[in-house]
C-alpha cells in the first residue's frame, strides 16, 4: 500500500448559474466551494471601496463571501448549499440596487 494520491477528482454531477454561466458542482458542495473549484476567486465587491472579495474564513463567520442567490442579497456562499438551478450573482456593494449608500 502506498500513501501516494490516486489522482481521483469528485465528479461534478450538477450545475447552477453564476452571472449567467454554468458552474458544475458535486453533491455536498457549498456555492463557495463550487465557485472556488471552478476557478472563481472573487464574487463580491466591498460597499465603499469596491475591493474584490471571495472566500476568507470558509465557515460563515467573516461575511467576505456574500453573493446574491435567487435575488436575495447577502447570502454567504461558503454556507449556502449548492443546488441545481440556483441563480447566483456577483454582489456589488450592498447587493441591492434600490439601496442608496
Protein backbone atom coordinates (compact mmCIF):
# COMPACT_ATOMS: atom_id res chain seq x y z
CA UNK A 1 0.00 0.00 0.00
CA UNK A 2 1.21 3.50 -0.81
CA UNK A 3 0.48 6.95 0.53
CA UNK A 4 0.53 8.44 -2.98
CA UNK A 5 -2.60 10.32 -4.04
CA UNK A 6 -4.57 8.42 -6.65
CA UNK A 7 -5.45 11.48 -8.70
CA UNK A 8 -9.19 10.98 -8.36
CA UNK A 9 -11.37 14.07 -8.57
CA UNK A 10 -15.01 14.42 -7.50
CA UNK A 11 -17.48 14.11 -10.32
CA UNK A 12 -19.41 17.31 -10.86
CA UNK A 13 -22.92 15.99 -11.30
CA UNK A 14 -24.94 19.23 -11.22
CA UNK A 15 -24.87 22.88 -12.30
CA UNK A 16 -26.06 26.24 -11.08
CA UNK A 17 -25.80 29.60 -12.82
CA UNK A 18 -23.20 32.18 -11.79
CA UNK A 19 -23.53 35.55 -13.51
CA UNK A 20 -25.25 33.76 -16.38
CA UNK A 21 -22.80 30.91 -16.93
CA UNK A 22 -22.98 27.33 -15.65
CA UNK A 23 -20.87 26.22 -12.67
CA UNK A 24 -20.53 22.50 -12.03
CA UNK A 25 -20.62 21.06 -8.53
CA UNK A 26 -20.73 17.72 -6.78
CA UNK A 27 -23.13 16.64 -4.05
CA UNK A 28 -22.25 18.27 -0.74
CA UNK A 29 -20.56 21.37 -2.17
CA UNK A 30 -21.41 24.84 -0.98
CA UNK A 31 -21.81 27.61 -3.53
CA UNK A 32 -18.42 28.98 -2.43
CA UNK A 33 -16.70 25.61 -2.82
CA UNK A 34 -18.15 25.19 -6.31
CA UNK A 35 -17.07 28.68 -7.36
CA UNK A 36 -13.57 28.12 -5.96
CA UNK A 37 -13.28 24.74 -7.73
CA UNK A 38 -14.38 26.48 -10.95
CA UNK A 39 -11.52 28.98 -10.62
CA UNK A 40 -13.60 31.93 -9.43
CA UNK A 41 -11.73 33.67 -6.60
CA UNK A 42 -13.80 36.85 -6.16
CA UNK A 43 -17.57 37.32 -6.32
CA UNK A 44 -18.27 40.41 -4.24
CA UNK A 45 -17.02 43.98 -4.07
CA UNK A 46 -16.90 45.98 -0.86
CA UNK A 47 -19.58 48.62 -0.30
CA UNK A 48 -17.40 51.73 -0.26
CA UNK A 49 -14.04 50.97 -1.89
CA UNK A 50 -15.19 48.37 -4.43
CA UNK A 51 -12.43 45.92 -3.42
CA UNK A 52 -12.82 42.29 -4.56
CA UNK A 53 -13.76 39.63 -2.02
CA UNK A 54 -14.36 35.86 -2.04
CA UNK A 55 -13.72 33.03 0.43
CA UNK A 56 -11.81 34.12 3.54
CA UNK A 57 -12.83 32.05 6.57
CA UNK A 58 -14.90 29.43 4.75
CA UNK A 59 -17.12 28.77 7.78
CA UNK A 60 -19.69 31.58 7.69
CA UNK A 61 -18.12 33.92 10.23
CA UNK A 62 -16.48 36.73 8.23
CA UNK A 63 -19.14 37.59 5.58
CA UNK A 64 -16.50 38.25 2.89
CA UNK A 65 -18.11 35.72 0.51
CA UNK A 66 -21.52 37.39 0.10
CA UNK A 67 -23.42 36.70 -3.11
CA UNK A 68 -26.92 37.27 -4.45
CA UNK A 69 -28.78 33.93 -4.59
CA UNK A 70 -32.12 33.78 -6.42
CA UNK A 71 -32.49 37.55 -5.92
CA UNK A 72 -31.60 37.52 -2.19
CA UNK A 73 -28.56 39.67 -1.34
CA UNK A 74 -26.11 38.99 1.49
CA UNK A 75 -26.10 35.19 1.22
CA UNK A 76 -22.84 33.62 2.48
CA UNK A 77 -21.51 31.49 -0.39
CA UNK A 78 -19.49 29.31 2.00
CA UNK A 79 -22.59 28.03 3.81
CA UNK A 80 -25.28 28.07 1.10
CA UNK A 81 -25.63 24.51 -0.24
CA UNK A 82 -25.17 24.33 -4.00
CA UNK A 83 -28.38 23.17 -5.66
CA UNK A 84 -29.25 22.64 -9.31
CA UNK A 85 -30.91 25.66 -10.86
CA UNK A 86 -29.71 28.30 -8.38
CA UNK A 87 -29.19 31.75 -9.88
CA UNK A 88 -26.05 33.07 -8.16
CA UNK A 89 -24.82 36.58 -8.95
CA UNK A 90 -21.84 38.71 -8.02
CA UNK A 91 -22.75 41.07 -5.19
CA UNK A 92 -21.79 44.67 -5.89
CA UNK A 93 -21.76 46.76 -2.72
CA UNK A 94 -24.94 46.07 -0.75
CA UNK A 95 -26.28 43.78 -3.48
CA UNK A 96 -29.45 45.81 -3.67
CA UNK A 97 -29.77 48.41 -6.40
CA UNK A 98 -32.66 50.05 -4.51
CA UNK A 99 -30.45 50.99 -1.52
CA UNK A 100 -28.73 54.36 -1.73
CA UNK A 101 -25.43 54.39 0.13
